[in-house]
Amino acid sequence: MTQSPTCTTDADVRAAFGTVCTVIGTYDLQDITNAKGAVMKSWPVVRLEGGGRAVLIESVWDDSKRPDDATIAAHRGKKVAVTGPLHAQPPAPGRAANMAMPCISPVETLRLLP
């Protein structure tokens, strides 16, 4: 089994688009807004350290991929490693993808770090 590269900074994330990467940061929820600024939903993200960007955990366009509330509660605010294909925007099957926000989908592993 090949080890995936680790992404901990914005530059790491940009360099890894289109590959499998392990993103390390703090598990959190991010409000996703529409063009008018109204909150559409809160979605799980990995927030990179040092005030870096948020990386979506699964595509915000597929509600079936949103982790359940127990998983969110168990991970929120904790350091995690999330591995999977890294996209420059969330995959949007059957619709126009119009959100420039990195996304890991599908998630291969999610684990808590010490």
PDB file of N, CA and C in Angstrom:
ATOM      1  N   MET A   1       0.848  -1.182   0.000  1.00  0.00           N
ATOM      2  CA  MET A   1       0.000   0.000   0.000  1.00  0.00           C
ATOM      3  C   MET A   1       0.891   1.241   0.000  1.00  0.00           C
ATOM      4  N   THR A   2       0.638   2.163  -0.909  1.00  0.00           N
ATOM      5  CA  THR A   2       1.422   3.383  -1.013  1.00  0.00           C
ATOM      6  C   THR A   2       0.871   4.435  -0.067  1.00  0.00           C
ATOM      7  N   GLN A   3       1.775   5.125   0.618  1.00  0.00           N
ATOM      8  CA  GLN A   3       1.378   6.197   1.519  1.00  0.00           C
ATOM      9  C   GLN A   3       1.067   7.449   0.700  1.00  0.00           C
ATOM     10  N   SER A   4      -0.043   8.107   1.025  1.00  0.00           N
ATOM     11  CA  SER A   4      -0.390   9.334   0.301  1.00  0.00           C
ATOM     12  C   SER A   4       0.386  10.508   0.883  1.00  0.00           C
ATOM     13  N   PRO A   5       0.616  11.550   0.078  1.00  0.00           N
ATOM     14  CA  PRO A   5       1.292  12.737   0.607  1.00  0.00           C
ATOM     15  C   PRO A   5       0.426  13.409   1.663  1.00  0.00           C
ATOM     16  N   THR A   6       1.072  14.137   2.558  1.00  0.00           N
ATOM     17  CA  THR A   6       0.375  14.849   3.623  1.00  0.00           C
ATOM     18  C   THR A   6       0.227  16.307   3.234  1.00  0.00           C
ATOM     19  N   CYS A   7      -0.973  16.835   3.426  1.00  0.00           N
ATOM     20  CA  CYS A   7      -1.268  18.231   3.119  1.00  0.00           C
ATOM     21  C   CYS A   7      -1.610  18.951   4.424  1.00  0.00           C
ATOM     22  N   THR A   8      -0.799  19.947   4.770  1.00  0.00           N
ATOM     23  CA  THR A   8      -1.037  20.705   5.997  1.00  0.00           C
ATOM     24  C   THR A   8      -1.140  22.205   5.749  1.00  0.00           C
ATOM     25  N   THR A   9      -0.829  22.654   4.531  1.00  0.00           N
ATOM     26  CA  THR A   9      -0.858  24.081   4.193  1.00  0.00           C
ATOM     27  C   THR A   9      -1.681  24.308   2.932  1.00  0.00           C
ATOM     28  N   ASP A  10      -2.022  25.575   2.683  1.00  0.00           N
ATOM     29  CA  ASP A  10      -2.723  25.921   1.445  1.00  0.00           C
ATOM     30  C   ASP A  10      -1.917  25.479   0.224  1.00  0.00           C
ATOM     31  N   ALA A  11      -0.600  25.717   0.256  1.00  0.00           N
ATOM     32  CA  ALA A  11       0.257  25.349  -0.879  1.00  0.00           C
ATOM     33  C   ALA A  11       0.245  23.840  -1.099  1.00  0.00           C
ATOM     34  N   ASP A  12       0.290  23.055  -0.011  1.00  0.00           N
ATOM     35  CA  ASP A  12       0.221  21.590  -0.131  1.00  0.00           C
ATOM     36  C   ASP A  12      -1.078  21.171  -0.813  1.00  0.00           C
ATOM     37  N   VAL A  13      -2.187  21.771  -0.373  1.00  0.00           N
ATOM     38  CA  VAL A  13      -3.497  21.421  -0.925  1.00  0.00           C
ATOM     39  C   VAL A  13      -3.558  21.755  -2.412  1.00  0.00           C
ATOM     40  N   ARG A  14      -3.136  22.956  -2.779  1.00  0.00           N
ATOM     41  CA  ARG A  14      -3.164  23.335  -4.202  1.00  0.00           C
ATOM     42  C   ARG A  14      -2.308  22.393  -5.047  1.00  0.00           C
ATOM     43  N   ALA A  15      -1.161  21.993  -4.526  1.00  0.00           N
ATOM     44  CA  ALA A  15      -0.257  21.117  -5.278  1.00  0.00           C
ATOM     45  C   ALA A  15      -0.816  19.701  -5.414  1.00  0.00           C
ATOM     46  N   ALA A  16      -1.745  19.313  -4.538  1.00  0.00           N
ATOM     47  CA  ALA A  16      -2.245  17.937  -4.524  1.00  0.00           C
ATOM     48  C   ALA A  16      -3.580  17.754  -5.246  1.00  0.00           C
ATOM     49  N   PHE A  17      -4.161  18.818  -5.818  1.00  0.00           N
ATOM     50  CA  PHE A  17      -5.422  18.664  -6.538  1.00  0.00           C
ATOM     51  C   PHE A  17      -5.293  17.553  -7.569  1.00  0.00           C
ATOM     52  N   GLY A  18      -6.284  16.666  -7.591  1.00  0.00           N
ATOM     53  CA  GLY A  18      -6.296  15.581  -8.561  1.00  0.00           C
ATOM     54  C   GLY A  18      -5.579  14.331  -8.094  1.00  0.00           C
ATOM     55  N   THR A  19      -5.061  14.343  -6.857  1.00  0.00           N
ATOM     56  CA  THR A  19      -4.377  13.169  -6.314  1.00  0.00           C
ATOM     57  C   THR A  19      -5.015  12.774  -4.984  1.00  0.00           C
ATOM     58  N   VAL A  20      -4.628  11.602  -4.489  1.00  0.00           N
ATOM     59  CA  VAL A  20      -5.039  11.191  -3.152  1.00  0.00           C
ATOM     60  C   VAL A  20      -4.072  11.825  -2.164  1.00  0.00           C
ATOM     61  N   CYS A  21      -4.621  12.464  -1.150  1.00  0.00           N
ATOM     62  CA  CYS A  21      -3.823  13.214  -0.182  1.00  0.00           C
ATOM     63  C   CYS A  21      -4.408  12.991   1.205  1.00  0.00           C
ATOM     64  N   THR A  22      -3.578  13.119   2.238  1.00  0.00           N
ATOM     65  CA  THR A  22      -4.045  13.105   3.622  1.00  0.00           C
ATOM     66  C   THR A  22      -3.973  14.524   4.141  1.00  0.00           C
ATOM     67  N   VAL A  23      -5.148  15.122   4.367  1.00  0.00           N
ATOM     68  CA  VAL A  23      -5.231  16.496   4.860  1.00  0.00           C
ATOM     69  C   VAL A  23      -5.305  16.444   6.383  1.00  0.00           C
ATOM     70  N   ILE A  24      -4.434  17.235   7.017  1.00  0.00           N
ATOM     71  CA  ILE A  24      -4.368  17.261   8.476  1.00  0.00           C
ATOM     72  C   ILE A  24      -4.765  18.648   8.962  1.00  0.00           C
ATOM     73  N   GLY A  25      -5.658  18.666   9.934  1.00  0.00           N
ATOM     74  CA  GLY A  25      -6.116  19.924  10.514  1.00  0.00           C
ATOM     75  C   GLY A  25      -7.175  19.660  11.559  1.00  0.00           C
ATOM     76  N   THR A  26      -7.964  20.677  11.856  1.00  0.00           N
ATOM     77  CA  THR A  26      -9.002  20.582  12.877  1.00  0.00           C
ATOM     78  C   THR A  26     -10.359  20.365  12.219  1.00  0.00           C
ATOM     79  N   TYR A  27     -11.087  19.372  12.714  1.00  0.00           N
ATOM     80  CA  TYR A  27     -12.429  19.061  12.214  1.00  0.00           C
ATOM     81  C   TYR A  27     -13.377  20.150  12.700  1.00  0.00           C
ATOM     82  N   ASP A  28     -14.177  20.693  11.793  1.00  0.00           N
ATOM     83  CA  ASP A  28     -15.071  21.781  12.155  1.00  0.00           C
ATOM     84  C   ASP A  28     -16.272  21.774  11.223  1.00  0.00           C
ATOM     85  N   LEU A  29     -17.204  22.686  11.452  1.00  0.00           N
ATOM     86  CA  LEU A  29     -18.317  22.906  10.536  1.00  0.00           C
ATOM     87  C   LEU A  29     -18.133  24.273   9.893  1.00  0.00           C
ATOM     88  N   GLN A  30     -18.449  24.362   8.617  1.00  0.00           N
ATOM     89  CA  GLN A  30     -18.326  25.614   7.859  1.00  0.00           C
ATOM     90  C   GLN A  30     -19.701  25.937   7.290  1.00  0.00           C
ATOM     91  N   ASP A  31     -20.154  27.164   7.487  1.00  0.00           N
ATOM     92  CA  ASP A  31     -21.396  27.593   6.856  1.00  0.00           C
ATOM     93  C   ASP A  31     -21.148  27.777   5.364  1.00  0.00           C
ATOM     94  N   ILE A  32     -22.000  27.171   4.555  1.00  0.00           N
ATOM     95  CA  ILE A  32     -21.936  27.284   3.107  1.00  0.00           C
ATOM     96  C   ILE A  32     -23.060  28.240   2.705  1.00  0.00           C
ATOM     97  N   THR A  33     -22.686  29.319   2.037  1.00  0.00           N
ATOM     98  CA  THR A  33     -23.664  30.343   1.678  1.00  0.00           C
ATOM     99  C   THR A  33     -23.936  30.355   0.181  1.00  0.00           C
ATOM    100  N   ASN A  34     -25.097  30.883  -0.178  1.00  0.00           N
ATOM    101  CA  ASN A  34     -25.424  31.036  -1.589  1.00  0.00           C
ATOM    102  C   ASN A  34     -24.927  32.390  -2.077  1.00  0.00           C
ATOM    103  N   ALA A  35     -25.208  32.729  -3.321  1.00  0.00           N
ATOM    104  CA  ALA A  35     -24.712  33.968  -3.919  1.00  0.00           C
ATOM    105  C   ALA A  35     -25.215  35.215  -3.193  1.00  0.00           C
ATOM    106  N   LYS A  36     -26.356  35.100  -2.506  1.00  0.00           N
ATOM    107  CA  LYS A  36     -26.910  36.237  -1.772  1.00  0.00           C
ATOM    108  C   LYS A  36     -26.400  36.305  -0.339  1.00  0.00           C
ATOM    109  N   GLY A  37     -25.545  35.332   0.053  1.00  0.00           N
ATOM    110  CA  GLY A  37     -24.971  35.332   1.389  1.00  0.00           C
ATOM    111  C   GLY A  37     -25.785  34.600   2.435  1.00  0.00           C
ATOM    112  N   ALA A  38     -26.894  33.995   2.031  1.00  0.00           N
ATOM    113  CA  ALA A  38     -27.711  33.223   2.973  1.00  0.00           C
ATOM    114  C   ALA A  38     -27.080  31.846   3.199  1.00  0.00           C
ATOM    115  N   VAL A  39     -27.100  31.378   4.432  1.00  0.00           N
ATOM    116  CA  VAL A  39     -26.531  30.070   4.757  1.00  0.00           C
ATOM    117  C   VAL A  39     -27.442  28.973   4.205  1.00  0.00           C
ATOM    118  N   MET A  40     -26.863  28.117   3.339  1.00  0.00           N
ATOM    119  CA  MET A  40     -27.597  26.981   2.777  1.00  0.00           C
ATOM    120  C   MET A  40     -27.531  25.790   3.725  1.00  0.00           C
ATOM    121  N   LYS A  41     -26.332  25.561   4.302  1.00  0.00           N
ATOM    122  CA  LYS A  41     -26.131  24.438   5.224  1.00  0.00           C
ATOM    123  C   LYS A  41     -24.780  24.597   5.898  1.00  0.00           C
ATOM    124  N   SER A  42     -24.603  23.911   7.013  1.00  0.00           N
ATOM    125  CA  SER A  42     -23.294  23.818   7.674  1.00  0.00           C
ATOM    126  C   SER A  42     -22.721  22.462   7.305  1.00  0.00           C
ATOM    127  N   TRP A  43     -21.444  22.444   6.887  1.00  0.00           N
ATOM    128  CA  TRP A  43     -20.864  21.219   6.341  1.00  0.00           C
ATOM    129  C   TRP A  43     -19.517  20.937   7.001  1.00  0.00           C
ATOM    130  N   PRO A  44     -19.200  19.661   7.262  1.00  0.00           N
ATOM    131  CA  PRO A  44     -17.914  19.314   7.866  1.00  0.00           C
ATOM    132  C   PRO A  44     -16.720  19.677   6.980  1.00  0.00           C
ATOM    133  N   VAL A  45     -15.688  20.196   7.621  1.00  0.00           N
ATOM    134  CA  VAL A  45     -14.450  20.573   6.944  1.00  0.00           C
ATOM    135  C   VAL A  45     -13.261  20.200   7.814  1.00  0.00           C
ATOM    136  N   VAL A  46     -12.100  20.154   7.175  1.00  0.00           N
ATOM    137  CA  VAL A  46     -10.828  20.114   7.887  1.00  0.00           C
ATOM    138  C   VAL A  46     -10.264  21.520   7.749  1.00  0.00           C
ATOM    139  N   ARG A  47     -10.063  22.189   8.873  1.00  0.00           N
ATOM    140  CA  ARG A  47      -9.513  23.541   8.857  1.00  0.00           C
ATOM    141  C   ARG A  47      -8.007  23.433   9.043  1.00  0.00           C
ATOM    142  N   LEU A  48      -7.251  23.867   8.021  1.00  0.00           N
ATOM    143  CA  LEU A  48      -5.799  23.787   8.080  1.00  0.00           C
ATOM    144  C   LEU A  48      -5.273  24.669   9.204  1.00  0.00           C
ATOM    145  N   GLU A  49      -4.152  24.286   9.786  1.00  0.00           N
ATOM    146  CA  GLU A  49      -3.566  25.047  10.886  1.00  0.00           C
ATOM    147  C   GLU A  49      -3.079  26.403  10.407  1.00  0.00           C
ATOM    148  N   GLY A  50      -2.904  27.310  11.331  1.00  0.00           N
ATOM    149  CA  GLY A  50      -2.357  28.619  11.006  1.00  0.00           C
ATOM    150  C   GLY A  50      -3.312  29.509  10.233  1.00  0.00           C
ATOM    151  N   GLY A  51      -4.609  29.339  10.455  1.00  0.00           N
ATOM    152  CA  GLY A  51      -5.585  30.187   9.769  1.00  0.00           C
ATOM    153  C   GLY A  51      -5.775  29.846   8.311  1.00  0.00           C
ATOM    154  N   GLY A  52      -5.377  28.646   7.939  1.00  0.00           N
ATOM    155  CA  GLY A  52      -5.491  28.232   6.540  1.00  0.00           C
ATOM    156  C   GLY A  52      -6.914  27.972   6.125  1.00  0.00           C
ATOM    157  N   ARG A  53      -7.054  27.634   4.873  1.00  0.00           N
ATOM    158  CA  ARG A  53      -8.367  27.408   4.298  1.00  0.00           C
ATOM    159  C   ARG A  53      -9.038  26.170   4.884  1.00  0.00           C
ATOM    160  N   ALA A  54     -10.326  26.077   4.624  1.00  0.00           N
ATOM    161  CA  ALA A  54     -11.094  24.895   5.000  1.00  0.00           C
ATOM    162  C   ALA A  54     -11.185  23.980   3.786  1.00  0.00           C
ATOM    163  N   VAL A  55     -11.080  22.688   4.019  1.00  0.00           N
ATOM    164  CA  VAL A  55     -11.220  21.676   2.974  1.00  0.00           C
ATOM    165  C   VAL A  55     -12.472  20.869   3.307  1.00  0.00           C
ATOM    166  N   LEU A  56     -13.444  20.869   2.400  1.00  0.00           N
ATOM    167  CA  LEU A  56     -14.685  20.127   2.622  1.00  0.00           C
ATOM    168  C   LEU A  56     -14.408  18.636   2.777  1.00  0.00           C
ATOM    169  N   ILE A  57     -15.143  18.012   3.674  1.00  0.00           N
ATOM    170  CA  ILE A  57     -15.102  16.562   3.834  1.00  0.00           C
ATOM    171  C   ILE A  57     -16.344  16.029   3.128  1.00  0.00           C
ATOM    172  N   GLU A  58     -16.153  15.506   1.940  1.00  0.00           N
ATOM    173  CA  GLU A  58     -17.197  15.056   1.016  1.00  0.00           C
ATOM    174  C   GLU A  58     -17.851  16.258   0.343  1.00  0.00           C
ATOM    175  N   SER A  59     -18.614  15.983  -0.695  1.00  0.00           N
ATOM    176  CA  SER A  59     -19.216  17.036  -1.506  1.00  0.00           C
ATOM    177  C   SER A  59     -20.469  17.604  -0.851  1.00  0.00           C
ATOM    178  N   VAL A  60     -20.487  18.908  -0.734  1.00  0.00           N
ATOM    179  CA  VAL A  60     -21.632  19.613  -0.161  1.00  0.00           C
ATOM    180  C   VAL A  60     -22.885  19.434  -1.022  1.00  0.00           C
ATOM    181  N   TRP A  61     -22.712  19.006  -2.278  1.00  0.00           N
ATOM    182  CA  TRP A  61     -23.845  18.836  -3.182  1.00  0.00           C
ATOM    183  C   TRP A  61     -24.533  17.481  -3.010  1.00  0.00           C
ATOM    184  N   ASP A  62     -24.002  16.608  -2.156  1.00  0.00           N
ATOM    185  CA  ASP A  62     -24.585  15.280  -1.956  1.00  0.00           C
ATOM    186  C   ASP A  62     -24.866  15.083  -0.468  1.00  0.00           C
ATOM    187  N   ASP A  63     -26.086  15.415  -0.048  1.00  0.00           N
ATOM    188  CA  ASP A  63     -26.447  15.340   1.377  1.00  0.00           C
ATOM    189  C   ASP A  63     -26.281  13.935   1.953  1.00  0.00           C
ATOM    190  N   SER A  64     -26.351  12.908   1.109  1.00  0.00           N
ATOM    191  CA  SER A  64     -26.196  11.542   1.614  1.00  0.00           C
ATOM    192  C   SER A  64     -24.775  11.281   2.121  1.00  0.00           C
ATOM    193  N   LYS A  65     -23.823  12.135   1.732  1.00  0.00           N
ATOM    194  CA  LYS A  65     -22.426  11.953   2.156  1.00  0.00           C
ATOM    195  C   LYS A  65     -22.097  12.714   3.429  1.00  0.00           C
ATOM    196  N   ARG A  66     -23.028  13.505   3.957  1.00  0.00           N
ATOM    197  CA  ARG A  66     -22.775  14.258   5.183  1.00  0.00           C
ATOM    198  C   ARG A  66     -22.716  13.268   6.344  1.00  0.00           C
ATOM    199  N   PRO A  67     -21.649  13.349   7.150  1.00  0.00           N
ATOM    200  CA  PRO A  67     -21.559  12.442   8.299  1.00  0.00           C
ATOM    201  C   PRO A  67     -22.731  12.656   9.259  1.00  0.00           C
ATOM    202  N   ASP A  68     -23.049  11.611  10.003  1.00  0.00           N
ATOM    203  CA  ASP A  68     -24.141  11.739  10.961  1.00  0.00           C
ATOM    204  C   ASP A  68     -23.718  12.639  12.129  1.00  0.00           C
ATOM    205  N   ASP A  69     -24.695  13.090  12.901  1.00  0.00           N
ATOM    206  CA  ASP A  69     -24.441  14.030  13.991  1.00  0.00           C
ATOM    207  C   ASP A  69     -23.472  13.468  15.034  1.00  0.00           C
ATOM    208  N   ALA A  70     -23.540  12.159  15.301  1.00  0.00           N
ATOM    209  CA  ALA A  70     -22.639  11.545  16.291  1.00  0.00           C
ATOM    210  C   ALA A  70     -21.186  11.616  15.816  1.00  0.00           C
ATOM    211  N   THR A  71     -20.955  11.370  14.529  1.00  0.00           N
ATOM    212  CA  THR A  71     -19.596  11.453  13.978  1.00  0.00           C
ATOM    213  C   THR A  71     -19.083  12.885  14.059  1.00  0.00           C
ATOM    214  N   ILE A  72     -19.929  13.837  13.696  1.00  0.00           N
ATOM    215  CA  ILE A  72     -19.529  15.245  13.765  1.00  0.00           C
ATOM    216  C   ILE A  72     -19.186  15.625  15.204  1.00  0.00           C
ATOM    217  N   ALA A  73     -20.033  15.259  16.154  1.00  0.00           N
ATOM    218  CA  ALA A  73     -19.798  15.594  17.563  1.00  0.00           C
ATOM    219  C   ALA A  73     -18.521  14.953  18.095  1.00  0.00           C
ATOM    220  N   ALA A  74     -18.215  13.732  17.657  1.00  0.00           N
ATOM    221  CA  ALA A  74     -17.031  13.021  18.139  1.00  0.00           C
ATOM    222  C   ALA A  74     -15.728  13.617  17.611  1.00  0.00           C
ATOM    223  N   HIS A  75     -15.788  14.304  16.470  1.00  0.00           N
ATOM    224  CA  HIS A  75     -14.580  14.825  15.833  1.00  0.00           C
ATOM    225  C   HIS A  75     -14.418  16.335  15.917  1.00  0.00           C
ATOM    226  N   ARG A  76     -15.505  17.057  16.088  1.00  0.00           N
ATOM    227  CA  ARG A  76     -15.469  18.529  16.011  1.00  0.00           C
ATOM    228  C   ARG A  76     -14.510  19.118  17.040  1.00  0.00           C
ATOM    229  N   GLY A  77     -13.640  19.992  16.554  1.00  0.00           N
ATOM    230  CA  GLY A  77     -12.664  20.662  17.410  1.00  0.00           C
ATOM    231  C   GLY A  77     -11.403  19.853  17.666  1.00  0.00           C
ATOM    232  N   LYS A  78     -11.326  18.659  17.097  1.00  0.00           N
ATOM    233  CA  LYS A  78     -10.173  17.780  17.317  1.00  0.00           C
ATOM    234  C   LYS A  78      -9.308  17.698  16.065  1.00  0.00           C
ATOM    235  N   LYS A  79      -8.050  17.387  16.273  1.00  0.00           N
ATOM    236  CA  LYS A  79      -7.109  17.232  15.160  1.00  0.00           C
ATOM    237  C   LYS A  79      -7.390  15.905  14.460  1.00  0.00           C
ATOM    238  N   VAL A  80      -7.510  15.959  13.125  1.00  0.00           N
ATOM    239  CA  VAL A  80      -7.835  14.772  12.340  1.00  0.00           C
ATOM    240  C   VAL A  80      -6.929  14.673  11.116  1.00  0.00           C
ATOM    241  N   ALA A  81      -6.907  13.477  10.552  1.00  0.00           N
ATOM    242  CA  ALA A  81      -6.280  13.204   9.259  1.00  0.00           C
ATOM    243  C   ALA A  81      -7.370  12.606   8.376  1.00  0.00           C
ATOM    244  N   VAL A  82      -7.611  13.238   7.224  1.00  0.00           N
ATOM    245  CA  VAL A  82      -8.630  12.771   6.292  1.00  0.00           C
ATOM    246  C   VAL A  82      -7.940  12.460   4.972  1.00  0.00           C
ATOM    247  N   THR A  83      -8.112  11.214   4.494  1.00  0.00           N
ATOM    248  CA  THR A  83      -7.455  10.770   3.270  1.00  0.00           C
ATOM    249  C   THR A  83      -8.484  10.494   2.186  1.00  0.00           C
ATOM    250  N   GLY A  84      -8.163  10.942   0.978  1.00  0.00           N
ATOM    251  CA  GLY A  84      -9.008  10.670  -0.182  1.00  0.00           C
ATOM    252  C   GLY A  84      -8.589  11.551  -1.337  1.00  0.00           C
ATOM    253  N   PRO A  85      -9.243  11.394  -2.481  1.00  0.00           N
ATOM    254  CA  PRO A  85      -8.942  12.241  -3.633  1.00  0.00           C
ATOM    255  C   PRO A  85      -9.277  13.703  -3.320  1.00  0.00           C
ATOM    256  N   LEU A  86      -8.356  14.585  -3.667  1.00  0.00           N
ATOM    257  CA  LEU A  86      -8.514  16.004  -3.378  1.00  0.00           C
ATOM    258  C   LEU A  86      -8.915  16.737  -4.656  1.00  0.00           C
ATOM    259  N   HIS A  87     -10.041  17.454  -4.586  1.00  0.00           N
ATOM    260  CA  HIS A  87     -10.589  18.178  -5.731  1.00  0.00           C
ATOM    261  C   HIS A  87     -10.509  19.683  -5.475  1.00  0.00           C
ATOM    262  N   ALA A  88     -10.382  20.470  -6.543  1.00  0.00           N
ATOM    263  CA  ALA A  88     -10.359  21.929  -6.411  1.00  0.00           C
ATOM    264  C   ALA A  88     -11.745  22.476  -6.077  1.00  0.00           C
ATOM    265  N   GLN A  89     -12.773  21.704  -6.383  1.00  0.00           N
ATOM    266  CA  GLN A  89     -14.139  22.073  -6.026  1.00  0.00           C
ATOM    267  C   GLN A  89     -14.921  20.795  -5.761  1.00  0.00           C
ATOM    268  N   PRO A  90     -15.992  20.884  -4.963  1.00  0.00           N
ATOM    269  CA  PRO A  90     -16.737  19.666  -4.648  1.00  0.00           C
ATOM    270  C   PRO A  90     -17.353  19.038  -5.890  1.00  0.00           C
ATOM    271  N   PRO A  91     -17.227  17.721  -6.042  1.00  0.00           N
ATOM    272  CA  PRO A  91     -17.879  17.047  -7.165  1.00  0.00           C
ATOM    273  C   PRO A  91     -19.386  17.307  -7.122  1.00  0.00           C
ATOM    274  N   ALA A  92     -19.957  17.582  -8.276  1.00  0.00           N
ATOM    275  CA  ALA A  92     -21.378  17.915  -8.364  1.00  0.00           C
ATOM    276  C   ALA A  92     -22.028  17.116  -9.480  1.00  0.00           C
ATOM    277  N   PRO A  93     -22.200  15.794  -9.272  1.00  0.00           N
ATOM    278  CA  PRO A  93     -22.788  14.971 -10.331  1.00  0.00           C
ATOM    279  C   PRO A  93     -24.158  15.503 -10.747  1.00  0.00           C
ATOM    280  N   GLY A  94     -24.342  15.666 -12.049  1.00  0.00           N
ATOM    281  CA  GLY A  94     -25.633  16.066 -12.567  1.00  0.00           C
ATOM    282  C   GLY A  94     -25.946  17.546 -12.449  1.00  0.00           C
ATOM    283  N   ARG A  95     -24.985  18.345 -12.003  1.00  0.00           N
ATOM    284  CA  ARG A  95     -25.228  19.787 -11.901  1.00  0.00           C
ATOM    285  C   ARG A  95     -23.928  20.532 -12.156  1.00  0.00           C
ATOM    286  N   ALA A  96     -24.027  21.796 -12.406  1.00  0.00           N
ATOM    287  CA  ALA A  96     -22.839  22.617 -12.632  1.00  0.00           C
ATOM    288  C   ALA A  96     -22.156  22.889 -11.290  1.00  0.00           C
ATOM    289  N   ALA A  97     -20.893  22.547 -11.204  1.00  0.00           N
ATOM    290  CA  ALA A  97     -20.132  22.824  -9.991  1.00  0.00           C
ATOM    291  C   ALA A  97     -19.667  24.271 -10.068  1.00  0.00           C
ATOM    292  N   ASN A  98     -20.034  25.057  -9.074  1.00  0.00           N
ATOM    293  CA  ASN A  98     -19.703  26.475  -9.138  1.00  0.00           C
ATOM    294  C   ASN A  98     -19.132  26.995  -7.829  1.00  0.00           C
ATOM    295  N   MET A  99     -18.479  26.128  -7.082  1.00  0.00           N
ATOM    296  CA  MET A  99     -17.936  26.513  -5.791  1.00  0.00           C
ATOM    297  C   MET A  99     -16.437  26.246  -5.785  1.00  0.00           C
ATOM    298  N   ALA A 100     -15.654  27.272  -5.615  1.00  0.00           N
ATOM    299  CA  ALA A 100     -14.201  27.123  -5.589  1.00  0.00           C
ATOM    300  C   ALA A 100     -13.762  26.887  -4.153  1.00  0.00           C
ATOM    301  N   MET A 101     -13.917  25.654  -3.696  1.00  0.00           N
ATOM    302  CA  MET A 101     -13.514  25.272  -2.344  1.00  0.00           C
ATOM    303  C   MET A 101     -12.994  23.848  -2.411  1.00  0.00           C
ATOM    304  N   PRO A 102     -11.771  23.602  -1.918  1.00  0.00           N
ATOM    305  CA  PRO A 102     -11.231  22.245  -1.996  1.00  0.00           C
ATOM    306  C   PRO A 102     -12.113  21.237  -1.265  1.00  0.00           C
ATOM    307  N   CYS A 103     -12.068  20.011  -1.739  1.00  0.00           N
ATOM    308  CA  CYS A 103     -12.933  18.968  -1.205  1.00  0.00           C
ATOM    309  C   CYS A 103     -12.242  17.609  -1.310  1.00  0.00           C
ATOM    310  N   ILE A 104     -12.354  16.812  -0.254  1.00  0.00           N
ATOM    311  CA  ILE A 104     -11.914  15.417  -0.295  1.00  0.00           C
ATOM    312  C   ILE A 104     -13.151  14.562  -0.508  1.00  0.00           C
ATOM    313  N   SER A 105     -13.172  13.830  -1.620  1.00  0.00           N
ATOM    314  CA  SER A 105     -14.312  12.963  -1.911  1.00  0.00           C
ATOM    315  C   SER A 105     -13.923  11.940  -2.972  1.00  0.00           C
ATOM    316  N   PRO A 106     -14.222  10.665  -2.739  1.00  0.00           N
ATOM    317  CA  PRO A 106     -14.783  10.101  -1.524  1.00  0.00           C
ATOM    318  C   PRO A 106     -13.708   9.960  -0.441  1.00  0.00           C
ATOM    319  N   VAL A 107     -14.136  10.079   0.802  1.00  0.00           N
ATOM    320  CA  VAL A 107     -13.220   9.918   1.928  1.00  0.00           C
ATOM    321  C   VAL A 107     -12.860   8.439   2.051  1.00  0.00           C
ATOM    322  N   GLU A 108     -11.554   8.171   2.085  1.00  0.00           N
ATOM    323  CA  GLU A 108     -11.086   6.794   2.273  1.00  0.00           C
ATOM    324  C   GLU A 108     -10.915   6.492   3.754  1.00  0.00           C
ATOM    325  N   THR A 109     -10.344   7.444   4.511  1.00  0.00           N
ATOM    326  CA  THR A 109     -10.205   7.264   5.958  1.00  0.00           C
ATOM    327  C   THR A 109     -10.337   8.612   6.654  1.00  0.00           C
ATOM    328  N   LEU A 110     -10.872   8.559   7.872  1.00  0.00           N
ATOM    329  CA  LEU A 110     -10.952   9.704   8.772  1.00  0.00           C
ATOM    330  C   LEU A 110     -10.506   9.189  10.124  1.00  0.00           C
ATOM    331  N   ARG A 111      -9.437   9.801  10.666  1.00  0.00           N
ATOM    332  CA  ARG A 111      -8.972   9.328  11.970  1.00  0.00           C
ATOM    333  C   ARG A 111      -8.564  10.494  12.847  1.00  0.00           C
ATOM    334  N   LEU A 112      -8.771  10.305  14.144  1.00  0.00           N
ATOM    335  CA  LEU A 112      -8.349  11.288  15.130  1.00  0.00           C
ATOM    336  C   LEU A 112      -6.844  11.187  15.323  1.00  0.00           C
ATOM    337  N   LEU A 113      -6.199  12.322  15.536  1.00  0.00           N
ATOM    338  CA  LEU A 113      -4.763  12.349  15.810  1.00  0.00           C
ATOM    339  C   LEU A 113      -4.551  12.818  17.252  1.00  0.00           C
ATOM    340  N   PRO A 114      -3.418  12.414  17.835  1.00  0.00           N
ATOM    341  CA  PRO A 114      -3.134  12.848  19.210  1.00  0.00           C
ATOM    342  C   PRO A 114      -2.889  14.350  19.286  1.00  0.00           C
TER     343      PRO A 114
END
